């Protein structure tokens, strides 16, 4: 997926983890990392949802921002990314999408 970082200026890869130790090499590919503090404990979120909630709050997304959540087993290519862009550009009345 390293080529996808350069695919479109709207694309940004961010790895959210409980620790960034061992992820430093990703910076060479333009991938940012966000570490969830161990003491961050939201009321209704555990495990991956806990990390995603922390990320959501830290990023302060605006009305034109979209997040494509991928887990560690997901592989995407240019076709997949173009399909996501196509859906985002057509589906203005939706706040969420799932495939």
C-alpha atoms as a PDB file:
ATOM      1  CA  UNK A   1       0.000   0.000   0.000  1.00  0.00           C
ATOM      2  CA  UNK A   2       3.036   2.279   0.049  1.00  0.00           C
ATOM      3  CA  UNK A   3       2.255   3.564  -3.478  1.00  0.00           C
ATOM      4  CA  UNK A   4      -1.239   4.614  -2.379  1.00  0.00           C
ATOM      5  CA  UNK A   5       0.171   7.281  -0.076  1.00  0.00           C
ATOM      6  CA  UNK A   6       1.274   9.108  -3.231  1.00  0.00           C
ATOM      7  CA  UNK A   7      -1.813   8.142  -5.261  1.00  0.00           C
ATOM      8  CA  UNK A   8      -3.901  11.195  -4.386  1.00  0.00           C
ATOM      9  CA  UNK A   9      -3.244  14.217  -2.187  1.00  0.00           C
ATOM     10  CA  UNK A  10      -6.497  13.457  -0.321  1.00  0.00           C
ATOM     11  CA  UNK A  11      -5.147  10.104   0.883  1.00  0.00           C
ATOM     12  CA  UNK A  12      -3.415   9.871   4.227  1.00  0.00           C
ATOM     13  CA  UNK A  13      -2.540   6.644   6.022  1.00  0.00           C
ATOM     14  CA  UNK A  14      -2.551   6.670   9.808  1.00  0.00           C
ATOM     15  CA  UNK A  15      -1.938   3.610  11.970  1.00  0.00           C
ATOM     16  CA  UNK A  16      -3.740   3.701  15.315  1.00  0.00           C
ATOM     17  CA  UNK A  17      -2.280   1.396  17.941  1.00  0.00           C
ATOM     18  CA  UNK A  18      -1.897   0.944  21.681  1.00  0.00           C
ATOM     19  CA  UNK A  19       1.807   1.559  21.155  1.00  0.00           C
ATOM     20  CA  UNK A  20       3.869   2.974  18.306  1.00  0.00           C
ATOM     21  CA  UNK A  21       6.961   1.061  19.378  1.00  0.00           C
ATOM     22  CA  UNK A  22       8.095  -0.898  16.333  1.00  0.00           C
ATOM     23  CA  UNK A  23       6.085   1.219  13.895  1.00  0.00           C
ATOM     24  CA  UNK A  24       8.681   3.942  13.355  1.00  0.00           C
ATOM     25  CA  UNK A  25       9.690   2.470   9.979  1.00  0.00           C
ATOM     26  CA  UNK A  26       6.266   3.457   8.583  1.00  0.00           C
ATOM     27  CA  UNK A  27       7.240   7.128   8.632  1.00  0.00           C
ATOM     28  CA  UNK A  28       9.606   6.469   5.705  1.00  0.00           C
ATOM     29  CA  UNK A  29       6.499   5.609   3.648  1.00  0.00           C
ATOM     30  CA  UNK A  30       4.571   8.702   4.717  1.00  0.00           C
ATOM     31  CA  UNK A  31       2.428   6.808   7.218  1.00  0.00           C
ATOM     32  CA  UNK A  32       1.641   8.548  10.493  1.00  0.00           C
ATOM     33  CA  UNK A  33       1.095   6.721  13.766  1.00  0.00           C
ATOM     34  CA  UNK A  34      -1.191   7.529  16.680  1.00  0.00           C
ATOM     35  CA  UNK A  35      -0.677   5.832  20.039  1.00  0.00           C
ATOM     36  CA  UNK A  36      -3.663   5.393  22.321  1.00  0.00           C
ATOM     37  CA  UNK A  37      -2.631   6.127  25.911  1.00  0.00           C
ATOM     38  CA  UNK A  38      -3.051   3.156  28.258  1.00  0.00           C
ATOM     39  CA  UNK A  39      -5.142   5.234  30.646  1.00  0.00           C
ATOM     40  CA  UNK A  40      -7.664   6.259  27.978  1.00  0.00           C
ATOM     41  CA  UNK A  41     -10.879   4.470  28.968  1.00  0.00           C
ATOM     42  CA  UNK A  42     -14.057   5.703  27.277  1.00  0.00           C
ATOM     43  CA  UNK A  43     -17.315   4.646  28.918  1.00  0.00           C
ATOM     44  CA  UNK A  44     -18.738   2.466  26.132  1.00  0.00           C
ATOM     45  CA  UNK A  45     -15.794   1.463  23.953  1.00  0.00           C
ATOM     46  CA  UNK A  46     -13.344  -1.395  24.361  1.00  0.00           C
ATOM     47  CA  UNK A  47     -10.611  -2.921  22.242  1.00  0.00           C
ATOM     48  CA  UNK A  48     -10.593  -1.619  18.625  1.00  0.00           C
ATOM     49  CA  UNK A  49     -13.548   0.677  19.298  1.00  0.00           C
ATOM     50  CA  UNK A  50     -11.547   2.287  22.104  1.00  0.00           C
ATOM     51  CA  UNK A  51      -8.697   3.062  19.704  1.00  0.00           C
ATOM     52  CA  UNK A  52     -11.050   4.369  17.020  1.00  0.00           C
ATOM     53  CA  UNK A  53     -12.834   6.631  19.504  1.00  0.00           C
ATOM     54  CA  UNK A  54      -9.526   8.065  20.700  1.00  0.00           C
ATOM     55  CA  UNK A  55      -8.486   8.642  17.094  1.00  0.00           C
ATOM     56  CA  UNK A  56     -11.794  10.318  16.244  1.00  0.00           C
ATOM     57  CA  UNK A  57     -11.504  12.721  19.155  1.00  0.00           C
ATOM     58  CA  UNK A  58      -7.843  13.545  18.491  1.00  0.00           C
ATOM     59  CA  UNK A  59      -8.293  14.218  14.778  1.00  0.00           C
ATOM     60  CA  UNK A  60     -11.136  16.743  15.134  1.00  0.00           C
ATOM     61  CA  UNK A  61     -12.603  15.841  11.748  1.00  0.00           C
ATOM     62  CA  UNK A  62     -14.426  18.468   9.735  1.00  0.00           C
ATOM     63  CA  UNK A  63     -17.556  18.113   7.600  1.00  0.00           C
ATOM     64  CA  UNK A  64     -15.516  17.325   4.470  1.00  0.00           C
ATOM     65  CA  UNK A  65     -13.339  14.631   6.081  1.00  0.00           C
ATOM     66  CA  UNK A  66     -13.927  10.927   5.507  1.00  0.00           C
ATOM     67  CA  UNK A  67     -12.333   7.945   7.234  1.00  0.00           C
ATOM     68  CA  UNK A  68     -11.873   4.558   5.602  1.00  0.00           C
ATOM     69  CA  UNK A  69     -11.309   2.145   8.466  1.00  0.00           C
ATOM     70  CA  UNK A  70      -9.083  -0.807   7.604  1.00  0.00           C
ATOM     71  CA  UNK A  71      -8.028  -3.532   9.966  1.00  0.00           C
ATOM     72  CA  UNK A  72      -4.619  -5.123   9.960  1.00  0.00           C
ATOM     73  CA  UNK A  73      -5.624  -7.838   7.464  1.00  0.00           C
ATOM     74  CA  UNK A  74      -7.083  -5.486   4.851  1.00  0.00           C
ATOM     75  CA  UNK A  75      -5.370  -4.940   1.518  1.00  0.00           C
ATOM     76  CA  UNK A  76      -6.484  -2.184  -0.835  1.00  0.00           C
ATOM     77  CA  UNK A  77      -5.294  -1.115  -4.265  1.00  0.00           C
ATOM     78  CA  UNK A  78      -5.867   1.838  -6.610  1.00  0.00           C
ATOM     79  CA  UNK A  79      -9.123   0.350  -7.919  1.00  0.00           C
ATOM     80  CA  UNK A  80     -10.494   0.048  -4.388  1.00  0.00           C
ATOM     81  CA  UNK A  81      -9.459   3.609  -3.567  1.00  0.00           C
ATOM     82  CA  UNK A  82     -11.001   4.961  -6.789  1.00  0.00           C
ATOM     83  CA  UNK A  83     -14.235   3.122  -5.966  1.00  0.00           C
ATOM     84  CA  UNK A  84     -14.256   4.744  -2.517  1.00  0.00           C
ATOM     85  CA  UNK A  85     -13.724   8.185  -4.041  1.00  0.00           C
ATOM     86  CA  UNK A  86     -16.505   7.530  -6.538  1.00  0.00           C
ATOM     87  CA  UNK A  87     -18.925   6.586  -3.755  1.00  0.00           C
ATOM     88  CA  UNK A  88     -17.939   9.600  -1.640  1.00  0.00           C
ATOM     89  CA  UNK A  89     -18.461  11.963  -4.541  1.00  0.00           C
ATOM     90  CA  UNK A  90     -21.913  10.511  -5.352  1.00  0.00           C
ATOM     91  CA  UNK A  91     -23.296   9.712  -1.883  1.00  0.00           C
ATOM     92  CA  UNK A  92     -23.581  13.184  -0.454  1.00  0.00           C
ATOM     93  CA  UNK A  93     -26.727  12.373   1.502  1.00  0.00           C
ATOM     94  CA  UNK A  94     -25.063   9.636   3.582  1.00  0.00           C
ATOM     95  CA  UNK A  95     -22.846   9.993   6.638  1.00  0.00           C
ATOM     96  CA  UNK A  96     -21.742   6.333   6.669  1.00  0.00           C
ATOM     97  CA  UNK A  97     -21.056   3.658   4.097  1.00  0.00           C
ATOM     98  CA  UNK A  98     -20.237  -0.018   4.261  1.00  0.00           C
ATOM     99  CA  UNK A  99     -19.227  -2.518   1.623  1.00  0.00           C
END
